[in-house]
Amino acid sequence: MTKDLHEYRDQHESIRAEFAKQAEGWGAEKPSADLLWAVDRLPLQPHFAVLDVAAGTGLLARAIAPRVASVVAVDITPEMLSAGRRQAEREGITNIRFEPGAAEALPYDSESFDLVGTRFSLHHFQNPEAAIHEMARVCRPGGHVGVIDIVSPEDQALAARYNHLERLRDPSHTRALRPTELTRVIEAGGFRITRVDRRDVGNGLSEWFDRARTGDSARDEILQNLRRELEGGAPTGFRPFADGPRLMFLHTWEVAVGTKP
């Protein structure tokens, strides 16, 4: 489906710039226990044709592939697609296709897929509603959407502080939605919510910085905020904690599943 993507040009360029430099790291990743937990909550069937939107290196697609007939992994960053294709070949996965395309204008016919999923993408979108509407368009009646993403705290002021620090680390981050917002966006796209699960996932701060190649000044500002919180200062939404010498924090993952009437 052809749409004018001009309004998303700047954000798409930011995403491509950030994830071109992260591609090899993501390409070498294997599905984690947390991702497999999320995939277990998707209503997958052996005959399903699945679309993984904003797939990056196809980490979600590679976790889903053994459970379904076929997966298409679509993304706007060529380096991510290439790295994912190479990793799928190394793993001997033959039922994934990696293709270019934007979430706001998916290059597929309406009602083409049994399940349309996306992982860790909505918080990079300028307009998550547009992406969810496109996911609904290409989903078959009776089919499903599965959104796996980090969510921010429900408190608006705390969510604003949280998203500010996320953007410092990765400028392509726009805004992690609050749980109630994510539900509303999916329902507004035409889906009926059938399942919602959440899980807190621990992350090492240094590794999180390194993956995005975060600059020194941004690292320092984030680190200072988290240390102040550990000492009883203002909360950031990251819920930092020490694991021996390592500084850790928590992301809340949400898996929201909807059905298209």
C-alpha atoms as a PDB file:
ATOM      1  CA  MET A   1       0.000   0.000   0.000  1.00  0.00           C
ATOM      2  CA  THR A   2       1.506   3.318  -1.031  1.00  0.00           C
ATOM      3  CA  LYS A   3       1.360   6.214   1.412  1.00  0.00           C
ATOM      4  CA  ASP A   4       3.205   9.490   1.720  1.00  0.00           C
ATOM      5  CA  LEU A   5       5.889   8.914   4.352  1.00  0.00           C
ATOM      6  CA  HIS A   6       7.272  12.454   4.195  1.00  0.00           C
ATOM      7  CA  GLU A   7       5.945  13.347   7.659  1.00  0.00           C
ATOM      8  CA  TYR A   8       7.968  10.479   9.138  1.00  0.00           C
ATOM      9  CA  ARG A   9      11.183  11.217   7.245  1.00  0.00           C
ATOM     10  CA  ASP A  10      13.152  12.741  10.139  1.00  0.00           C
ATOM     11  CA  GLN A  11      12.184  10.020  12.580  1.00  0.00           C
ATOM     12  CA  HIS A  12      12.942   7.296  10.043  1.00  0.00           C
ATOM     13  CA  GLU A  13      16.374   8.812   9.427  1.00  0.00           C
ATOM     14  CA  SER A  14      17.021   8.862  13.174  1.00  0.00           C
ATOM     15  CA  ILE A  15      16.017   5.203  13.462  1.00  0.00           C
ATOM     16  CA  ARG A  16      18.194   4.159  10.529  1.00  0.00           C
ATOM     17  CA  ALA A  17      21.189   6.048  11.940  1.00  0.00           C
ATOM     18  CA  GLU A  18      20.838   4.501  15.394  1.00  0.00           C
ATOM     19  CA  PHE A  19      20.160   0.939  14.287  1.00  0.00           C
ATOM     20  CA  ALA A  20      22.696   0.817  11.482  1.00  0.00           C
ATOM     21  CA  LYS A  21      25.360   1.015  14.199  1.00  0.00           C
ATOM     22  CA  GLN A  22      23.555  -1.531  16.396  1.00  0.00           C
ATOM     23  CA  ALA A  23      22.870  -4.060  13.620  1.00  0.00           C
ATOM     24  CA  GLU A  24      25.731  -6.503  14.145  1.00  0.00           C
ATOM     25  CA  GLY A  25      25.115  -6.677  17.871  1.00  0.00           C
ATOM     26  CA  TRP A  26      21.429  -7.380  17.427  1.00  0.00           C
ATOM     27  CA  GLY A  27      22.123  -9.826  14.605  1.00  0.00           C
ATOM     28  CA  ALA A  28      24.209 -12.021  16.887  1.00  0.00           C
ATOM     29  CA  GLU A  29      21.526 -12.067  19.599  1.00  0.00           C
ATOM     30  CA  LYS A  30      19.612 -15.269  20.281  1.00  0.00           C
ATOM     31  CA  PRO A  31      16.058 -15.225  21.672  1.00  0.00           C
ATOM     32  CA  SER A  32      16.306 -14.699  25.420  1.00  0.00           C
ATOM     33  CA  ALA A  33      14.248 -16.427  28.082  1.00  0.00           C
ATOM     34  CA  ASP A  34      12.257 -13.203  28.431  1.00  0.00           C
ATOM     35  CA  LEU A  35      11.501 -13.083  24.706  1.00  0.00           C
ATOM     36  CA  LEU A  36      10.477 -16.750  24.704  1.00  0.00           C
ATOM     37  CA  TRP A  37       8.184 -15.956  27.649  1.00  0.00           C
ATOM     38  CA  ALA A  38       6.581 -13.245  25.487  1.00  0.00           C
ATOM     39  CA  VAL A  39       6.262 -15.503  22.441  1.00  0.00           C
ATOM     40  CA  ASP A  40       4.572 -18.152  24.576  1.00  0.00           C
ATOM     41  CA  ARG A  41       1.781 -15.628  25.141  1.00  0.00           C
ATOM     42  CA  LEU A  42       1.060 -15.115  21.444  1.00  0.00           C
ATOM     43  CA  PRO A  43      -1.779 -17.174  19.898  1.00  0.00           C
ATOM     44  CA  LEU A  44       0.390 -18.984  17.327  1.00  0.00           C
ATOM     45  CA  GLN A  45      -0.772 -21.884  15.161  1.00  0.00           C
ATOM     46  CA  PRO A  46       1.296 -24.152  12.839  1.00  0.00           C
ATOM     47  CA  HIS A  47      -0.546 -22.938   9.719  1.00  0.00           C
ATOM     48  CA  PHE A  48      -0.141 -19.213  10.469  1.00  0.00           C
ATOM     49  CA  ALA A  49       1.408 -16.657   8.124  1.00  0.00           C
ATOM     50  CA  VAL A  50       2.974 -14.045  10.425  1.00  0.00           C
ATOM     51  CA  LEU A  51       4.254 -10.526   9.840  1.00  0.00           C
ATOM     52  CA  ASP A  52       6.928  -9.113  12.177  1.00  0.00           C
ATOM     53  CA  VAL A  53       6.683  -5.307  11.888  1.00  0.00           C
ATOM     54  CA  ALA A  54       9.749  -3.121  12.494  1.00  0.00           C
ATOM     55  CA  ALA A  55      11.510  -6.438  12.871  1.00  0.00           C
ATOM     56  CA  GLY A  56      15.085  -5.213  12.989  1.00  0.00           C
ATOM     57  CA  THR A  57      17.233  -8.339  12.770  1.00  0.00           C
ATOM     58  CA  GLY A  58      14.154 -10.528  13.145  1.00  0.00           C
ATOM     59  CA  LEU A  59      14.756 -11.574  16.733  1.00  0.00           C
ATOM     60  CA  LEU A  60      10.996 -11.979  17.239  1.00  0.00           C
ATOM     61  CA  ALA A  61      10.602 -13.572  13.806  1.00  0.00           C
ATOM     62  CA  ARG A  62      13.331 -16.112  14.560  1.00  0.00           C
ATOM     63  CA  ALA A  63      11.671 -17.019  17.870  1.00  0.00           C
ATOM     64  CA  ILE A  64       8.285 -17.426  16.167  1.00  0.00           C
ATOM     65  CA  ALA A  65       9.458 -19.256  13.018  1.00  0.00           C
ATOM     66  CA  PRO A  66       9.593 -22.813  14.473  1.00  0.00           C
ATOM     67  CA  ARG A  67       5.944 -22.502  15.563  1.00  0.00           C
ATOM     68  CA  VAL A  68       4.302 -21.266  12.335  1.00  0.00           C
ATOM     69  CA  ALA A  69       4.244 -21.839   8.566  1.00  0.00           C
ATOM     70  CA  SER A  70       5.954 -18.602   7.526  1.00  0.00           C
ATOM     71  CA  VAL A  71       7.174 -15.244   8.820  1.00  0.00           C
ATOM     72  CA  VAL A  72       7.889 -12.013   6.965  1.00  0.00           C
ATOM     73  CA  ALA A  73      10.249  -9.647   8.803  1.00  0.00           C
ATOM     74  CA  VAL A  74       9.839  -6.052   7.581  1.00  0.00           C
ATOM     75  CA  ASP A  75      12.012  -3.101   8.626  1.00  0.00           C
ATOM     76  CA  ILE A  76      13.327   0.239   7.341  1.00  0.00           C
ATOM     77  CA  THR A  77      17.004  -0.270   8.246  1.00  0.00           C
ATOM     78  CA  PRO A  78      18.917  -2.233   5.568  1.00  0.00           C
ATOM     79  CA  GLU A  79      21.775  -3.118   7.916  1.00  0.00           C
ATOM     80  CA  MET A  80      19.384  -4.704  10.407  1.00  0.00           C
ATOM     81  CA  LEU A  81      17.694  -6.758   7.691  1.00  0.00           C
ATOM     82  CA  SER A  82      21.036  -7.956   6.328  1.00  0.00           C
ATOM     83  CA  ALA A  83      22.306  -8.944   9.769  1.00  0.00           C
ATOM     84  CA  GLY A  84      19.066 -10.777  10.512  1.00  0.00           C
ATOM     85  CA  ARG A  85      19.131 -12.608   7.208  1.00  0.00           C
ATOM     86  CA  ARG A  86      22.679 -13.805   7.854  1.00  0.00           C
ATOM     87  CA  GLN A  87      21.802 -14.980  11.358  1.00  0.00           C
ATOM     88  CA  ALA A  88      18.700 -16.842  10.158  1.00  0.00           C
ATOM     89  CA  GLU A  89      20.866 -18.619   7.582  1.00  0.00           C
ATOM     90  CA  ARG A  90      23.388 -19.555  10.279  1.00  0.00           C
ATOM     91  CA  GLU A  91      20.574 -20.950  12.407  1.00  0.00           C
ATOM     92  CA  GLY A  92      19.134 -22.911   9.462  1.00  0.00           C
ATOM     93  CA  ILE A  93      15.772 -21.105   9.565  1.00  0.00           C
ATOM     94  CA  THR A  94      14.218 -21.288   6.110  1.00  0.00           C
ATOM     95  CA  ASN A  95      10.677 -19.939   6.587  1.00  0.00           C
ATOM     96  CA  ILE A  96      11.541 -16.249   7.160  1.00  0.00           C
ATOM     97  CA  ARG A  97      11.711 -13.553   4.482  1.00  0.00           C
ATOM     98  CA  PHE A  98      13.442 -10.253   5.321  1.00  0.00           C
ATOM     99  CA  GLU A  99      11.945  -7.335   3.384  1.00  0.00           C
ATOM    100  CA  PRO A 100      12.177  -3.510   3.447  1.00  0.00           C
ATOM    101  CA  GLY A 101       9.169  -1.476   4.446  1.00  0.00           C
ATOM    102  CA  ALA A 102       7.825   1.100   6.895  1.00  0.00           C
ATOM    103  CA  ALA A 103       5.385   0.303   9.678  1.00  0.00           C
ATOM    104  CA  GLU A 104       3.244   3.313   8.743  1.00  0.00           C
ATOM    105  CA  ALA A 105       2.811   2.068   5.150  1.00  0.00           C
ATOM    106  CA  LEU A 106       3.227  -1.694   5.083  1.00  0.00           C
ATOM    107  CA  PRO A 107       3.923  -2.988   1.549  1.00  0.00           C
ATOM    108  CA  TYR A 108       1.368  -5.813   1.756  1.00  0.00           C
ATOM    109  CA  ASP A 109      -2.192  -6.430   0.645  1.00  0.00           C
ATOM    110  CA  SER A 110      -5.004  -6.090   3.132  1.00  0.00           C
ATOM    111  CA  GLU A 111      -5.958  -9.187   5.130  1.00  0.00           C
ATOM    112  CA  SER A 112      -2.721 -11.048   4.290  1.00  0.00           C
ATOM    113  CA  PHE A 113      -1.575 -12.373   7.685  1.00  0.00           C
ATOM    114  CA  ASP A 114      -2.973 -14.477  10.512  1.00  0.00           C
ATOM    115  CA  LEU A 115      -0.910 -12.686  13.144  1.00  0.00           C
ATOM    116  CA  VAL A 116       0.852  -9.341  12.965  1.00  0.00           C
ATOM    117  CA  GLY A 117       3.421  -8.820  15.682  1.00  0.00           C
ATOM    118  CA  THR A 118       5.981  -6.260  16.708  1.00  0.00           C
ATOM    119  CA  ARG A 119       8.660  -6.170  19.370  1.00  0.00           C
ATOM    120  CA  PHE A 120      10.232  -3.097  20.998  1.00  0.00           C
ATOM    121  CA  SER A 121       9.102  -0.835  18.178  1.00  0.00           C
ATOM    122  CA  LEU A 122       6.240   1.399  19.308  1.00  0.00           C
ATOM    123  CA  HIS A 123       8.533   3.482  21.506  1.00  0.00           C
ATOM    124  CA  HIS A 124      10.451   4.452  18.343  1.00  0.00           C
ATOM    125  CA  PHE A 125       7.362   5.503  16.367  1.00  0.00           C
ATOM    126  CA  GLN A 126       6.387   9.109  15.828  1.00  0.00           C
ATOM    127  CA  ASN A 127       2.791   7.941  15.354  1.00  0.00           C
ATOM    128  CA  PRO A 128       2.120   4.531  16.939  1.00  0.00           C
ATOM    129  CA  GLU A 129      -1.562   4.812  16.022  1.00  0.00           C
ATOM    130  CA  ALA A 130      -0.683   4.867  12.306  1.00  0.00           C
ATOM    131  CA  ALA A 131       1.408   1.729  12.689  1.00  0.00           C
ATOM    132  CA  ILE A 132      -1.325  -0.125  14.593  1.00  0.00           C
ATOM    133  CA  HIS A 133      -3.889   0.828  11.943  1.00  0.00           C
ATOM    134  CA  GLU A 134      -1.597  -0.575   9.254  1.00  0.00           C
ATOM    135  CA  MET A 135      -1.133  -3.749  11.281  1.00  0.00           C
ATOM    136  CA  ALA A 136      -4.915  -4.050  11.480  1.00  0.00           C
ATOM    137  CA  ARG A 137      -5.260  -3.513   7.725  1.00  0.00           C
ATOM    138  CA  VAL A 138      -2.955  -6.396   6.802  1.00  0.00           C
ATOM    139  CA  CYS A 139      -4.410  -8.715   9.472  1.00  0.00           C
ATOM    140  CA  ARG A 140      -7.090 -11.172   8.409  1.00  0.00           C
ATOM    141  CA  PRO A 141     -10.527 -11.053  10.053  1.00  0.00           C
ATOM    142  CA  GLY A 142     -10.337 -13.283  13.102  1.00  0.00           C
ATOM    143  CA  GLY A 143      -6.559 -12.851  13.128  1.00  0.00           C
ATOM    144  CA  HIS A 144      -4.444 -11.382  15.871  1.00  0.00           C
ATOM    145  CA  VAL A 145      -2.047  -8.607  16.770  1.00  0.00           C
ATOM    146  CA  GLY A 146       0.737  -9.108  19.303  1.00  0.00           C
ATOM    147  CA  VAL A 147       2.587  -6.078  20.668  1.00  0.00           C
ATOM    148  CA  ILE A 148       5.655  -6.638  22.852  1.00  0.00           C
ATOM    149  CA  ASP A 149       7.108  -3.399  24.173  1.00  0.00           C
ATOM    150  CA  ILE A 150       8.486  -1.621  27.187  1.00  0.00           C
ATOM    151  CA  VAL A 151       5.944   0.545  28.983  1.00  0.00           C
ATOM    152  CA  SER A 152       6.477   3.640  31.091  1.00  0.00           C
ATOM    153  CA  PRO A 153       4.961   4.291  34.524  1.00  0.00           C
ATOM    154  CA  GLU A 154       1.302   5.327  34.629  1.00  0.00           C
ATOM    155  CA  ASP A 155       2.159   8.554  36.495  1.00  0.00           C
ATOM    156  CA  GLN A 156       2.559  11.165  33.754  1.00  0.00           C
ATOM    157  CA  ALA A 157       5.319  13.180  35.424  1.00  0.00           C
ATOM    158  CA  LEU A 158       7.324  10.039  36.185  1.00  0.00           C
ATOM    159  CA  ALA A 159       6.731   8.758  32.646  1.00  0.00           C
ATOM    160  CA  ALA A 160       8.104  12.039  31.267  1.00  0.00           C
ATOM    161  CA  ARG A 161      11.316  11.697  33.331  1.00  0.00           C
ATOM    162  CA  TYR A 162      11.633   8.069  32.283  1.00  0.00           C
ATOM    163  CA  ASN A 163      11.267   8.848  28.577  1.00  0.00           C
ATOM    164  CA  HIS A 164      13.713  11.752  28.810  1.00  0.00           C
ATOM    165  CA  LEU A 165      16.417   9.385  30.032  1.00  0.00           C
ATOM    166  CA  GLU A 166      15.525   6.813  27.385  1.00  0.00           C
ATOM    167  CA  ARG A 167      15.951   9.479  24.675  1.00  0.00           C
ATOM    168  CA  LEU A 168      19.327  10.477  26.101  1.00  0.00           C
ATOM    169  CA  ARG A 169      20.498   6.904  25.687  1.00  0.00           C
ATOM    170  CA  ASP A 170      18.986   6.473  22.193  1.00  0.00           C
ATOM    171  CA  PRO A 171      17.787   9.579  20.299  1.00  0.00           C
ATOM    172  CA  SER A 172      15.475   7.461  18.132  1.00  0.00           C
ATOM    173  CA  HIS A 173      13.347   6.703  21.205  1.00  0.00           C
ATOM    174  CA  THR A 174      10.164   8.764  21.079  1.00  0.00           C
ATOM    175  CA  ARG A 175       7.994   7.694  23.999  1.00  0.00           C
ATOM    176  CA  ALA A 176       7.268   4.431  25.762  1.00  0.00           C
ATOM    177  CA  LEU A 177       3.511   4.365  26.201  1.00  0.00           C
ATOM    178  CA  ARG A 178       1.879   3.925  29.585  1.00  0.00           C
ATOM    179  CA  PRO A 179       0.032   0.584  29.902  1.00  0.00           C
ATOM    180  CA  THR A 180      -3.394   2.214  29.652  1.00  0.00           C
ATOM    181  CA  GLU A 181      -2.266   4.131  26.553  1.00  0.00           C
ATOM    182  CA  LEU A 182      -1.007   0.984  24.848  1.00  0.00           C
ATOM    183  CA  THR A 183      -4.358  -0.708  25.382  1.00  0.00           C
ATOM    184  CA  ARG A 184      -6.209   2.316  23.986  1.00  0.00           C
ATOM    185  CA  VAL A 185      -3.993   2.499  20.888  1.00  0.00           C
ATOM    186  CA  ILE A 186      -4.535  -1.170  20.073  1.00  0.00           C
ATOM    187  CA  GLU A 187      -8.294  -0.935  20.613  1.00  0.00           C
ATOM    188  CA  ALA A 188      -8.480   2.247  18.514  1.00  0.00           C
ATOM    189  CA  GLY A 189      -6.857   0.283  15.702  1.00  0.00           C
ATOM    190  CA  GLY A 190      -9.852  -2.013  15.621  1.00  0.00           C
ATOM    191  CA  PHE A 191      -8.674  -4.915  17.767  1.00  0.00           C
ATOM    192  CA  ARG A 192     -10.386  -6.425  20.791  1.00  0.00           C
ATOM    193  CA  ILE A 193      -7.866  -6.939  23.594  1.00  0.00           C
ATOM    194  CA  THR A 194      -7.828 -10.608  24.589  1.00  0.00           C
ATOM    195  CA  ARG A 195      -4.729 -10.850  26.763  1.00  0.00           C
ATOM    196  CA  VAL A 196      -2.269  -8.584  28.563  1.00  0.00           C
ATOM    197  CA  ASP A 197       0.813  -9.798  30.435  1.00  0.00           C
ATOM    198  CA  ARG A 198       3.615  -7.833  32.084  1.00  0.00           C
ATOM    199  CA  ARG A 199       7.041  -8.787  33.354  1.00  0.00           C
ATOM    200  CA  ASP A 200       9.909  -6.838  34.924  1.00  0.00           C
ATOM    201  CA  VAL A 201      13.197  -7.542  33.158  1.00  0.00           C
ATOM    202  CA  GLY A 202      16.559  -6.641  34.653  1.00  0.00           C
ATOM    203  CA  ASN A 203      19.209  -4.909  32.541  1.00  0.00           C
ATOM    204  CA  GLY A 204      22.848  -4.080  33.154  1.00  0.00           C
ATOM    205  CA  LEU A 205      23.310  -0.338  32.724  1.00  0.00           C
ATOM    206  CA  SER A 206      26.739  -0.572  31.056  1.00  0.00           C
ATOM    207  CA  GLU A 207      25.565  -3.200  28.566  1.00  0.00           C
ATOM    208  CA  TRP A 208      22.468  -1.128  27.800  1.00  0.00           C
ATOM    209  CA  PHE A 209      24.658   1.891  27.067  1.00  0.00           C
ATOM    210  CA  ASP A 210      27.090  -0.122  24.969  1.00  0.00           C
ATOM    211  CA  ARG A 211      24.377  -1.582  22.740  1.00  0.00           C
ATOM    212  CA  ALA A 212      23.288   1.910  21.670  1.00  0.00           C
ATOM    213  CA  ARG A 213      26.832   3.311  21.735  1.00  0.00           C
ATOM    214  CA  THR A 214      25.581   6.065  24.012  1.00  0.00           C
ATOM    215  CA  GLY A 215      27.853   9.102  24.266  1.00  0.00           C
ATOM    216  CA  ASP A 216      29.745   9.954  27.433  1.00  0.00           C
ATOM    217  CA  SER A 217      27.714  13.037  28.421  1.00  0.00           C
ATOM    218  CA  ALA A 218      24.414  11.160  28.088  1.00  0.00           C
ATOM    219  CA  ARG A 219      25.814   8.208  30.057  1.00  0.00           C
ATOM    220  CA  ASP A 220      26.915  10.556  32.834  1.00  0.00           C
ATOM    221  CA  GLU A 221      23.517  12.272  33.090  1.00  0.00           C
ATOM    222  CA  ILE A 222      21.614   8.983  33.210  1.00  0.00           C
ATOM    223  CA  LEU A 223      24.056   7.495  35.694  1.00  0.00           C
ATOM    224  CA  GLN A 224      23.796  10.524  37.998  1.00  0.00           C
ATOM    225  CA  ASN A 225      19.989  10.321  37.990  1.00  0.00           C
ATOM    226  CA  LEU A 226      19.986   6.611  38.817  1.00  0.00           C
ATOM    227  CA  ARG A 227      22.582   7.008  41.569  1.00  0.00           C
ATOM    228  CA  ARG A 228      20.550   9.825  43.143  1.00  0.00           C
ATOM    229  CA  GLU A 229      17.498   7.567  43.106  1.00  0.00           C
ATOM    230  CA  LEU A 230      19.466   4.790  44.812  1.00  0.00           C
ATOM    231  CA  GLU A 231      20.412   7.297  47.520  1.00  0.00           C
ATOM    232  CA  GLY A 232      16.767   8.208  48.104  1.00  0.00           C
ATOM    233  CA  GLY A 233      16.360  10.916  45.475  1.00  0.00           C
ATOM    234  CA  ALA A 234      13.633  11.474  42.920  1.00  0.00           C
ATOM    235  CA  PRO A 235      12.406   8.341  41.117  1.00  0.00           C
ATOM    236  CA  THR A 236      13.246   7.942  37.441  1.00  0.00           C
ATOM    237  CA  GLY A 237      10.995   5.025  36.535  1.00  0.00           C
ATOM    238  CA  PHE A 238      14.082   2.848  36.026  1.00  0.00           C
ATOM    239  CA  ARG A 239      14.033   1.341  39.548  1.00  0.00           C
ATOM    240  CA  PRO A 240      17.834   0.946  39.754  1.00  0.00           C
ATOM    241  CA  PHE A 241      19.475  -1.618  42.019  1.00  0.00           C
ATOM    242  CA  ALA A 242      22.948  -2.980  42.661  1.00  0.00           C
ATOM    243  CA  ASP A 243      23.966  -6.504  41.743  1.00  0.00           C
ATOM    244  CA  GLY A 244      27.367  -6.684  43.362  1.00  0.00           C
ATOM    245  CA  PRO A 245      29.485  -4.099  41.529  1.00  0.00           C
ATOM    246  CA  ARG A 246      26.994  -3.848  38.633  1.00  0.00           C
ATOM    247  CA  LEU A 247      24.344  -1.153  38.453  1.00  0.00           C
ATOM    248  CA  MET A 248      21.121  -2.650  37.157  1.00  0.00           C
ATOM    249  CA  PHE A 249      17.645  -1.339  36.379  1.00  0.00           C
ATOM    250  CA  LEU A 250      14.244  -2.709  35.433  1.00  0.00           C
ATOM    251  CA  HIS A 251      12.246  -2.457  32.224  1.00  0.00           C
ATOM    252  CA  THR A 252       8.601  -3.446  32.346  1.00  0.00           C
ATOM    253  CA  TRP A 253       7.746  -5.553  29.295  1.00  0.00           C
ATOM    254  CA  GLU A 254       4.123  -5.723  28.231  1.00  0.00           C
ATOM    255  CA  VAL A 255       2.675  -8.307  25.870  1.00  0.00           C
ATOM    256  CA  ALA A 256      -0.700  -7.126  24.576  1.00  0.00           C
ATOM    257  CA  VAL A 257      -2.699  -9.416  22.298  1.00  0.00           C
ATOM    258  CA  GLY A 258      -5.761  -8.371  20.330  1.00  0.00           C
ATOM    259  CA  THR A 259      -8.146 -10.064  17.901  1.00  0.00           C
ATOM    260  CA  LYS A 260      -9.537  -8.489  14.748  1.00  0.00           C
ATOM    261  CA  PRO A 261     -13.307  -8.960  14.446  1.00  0.00           C
END
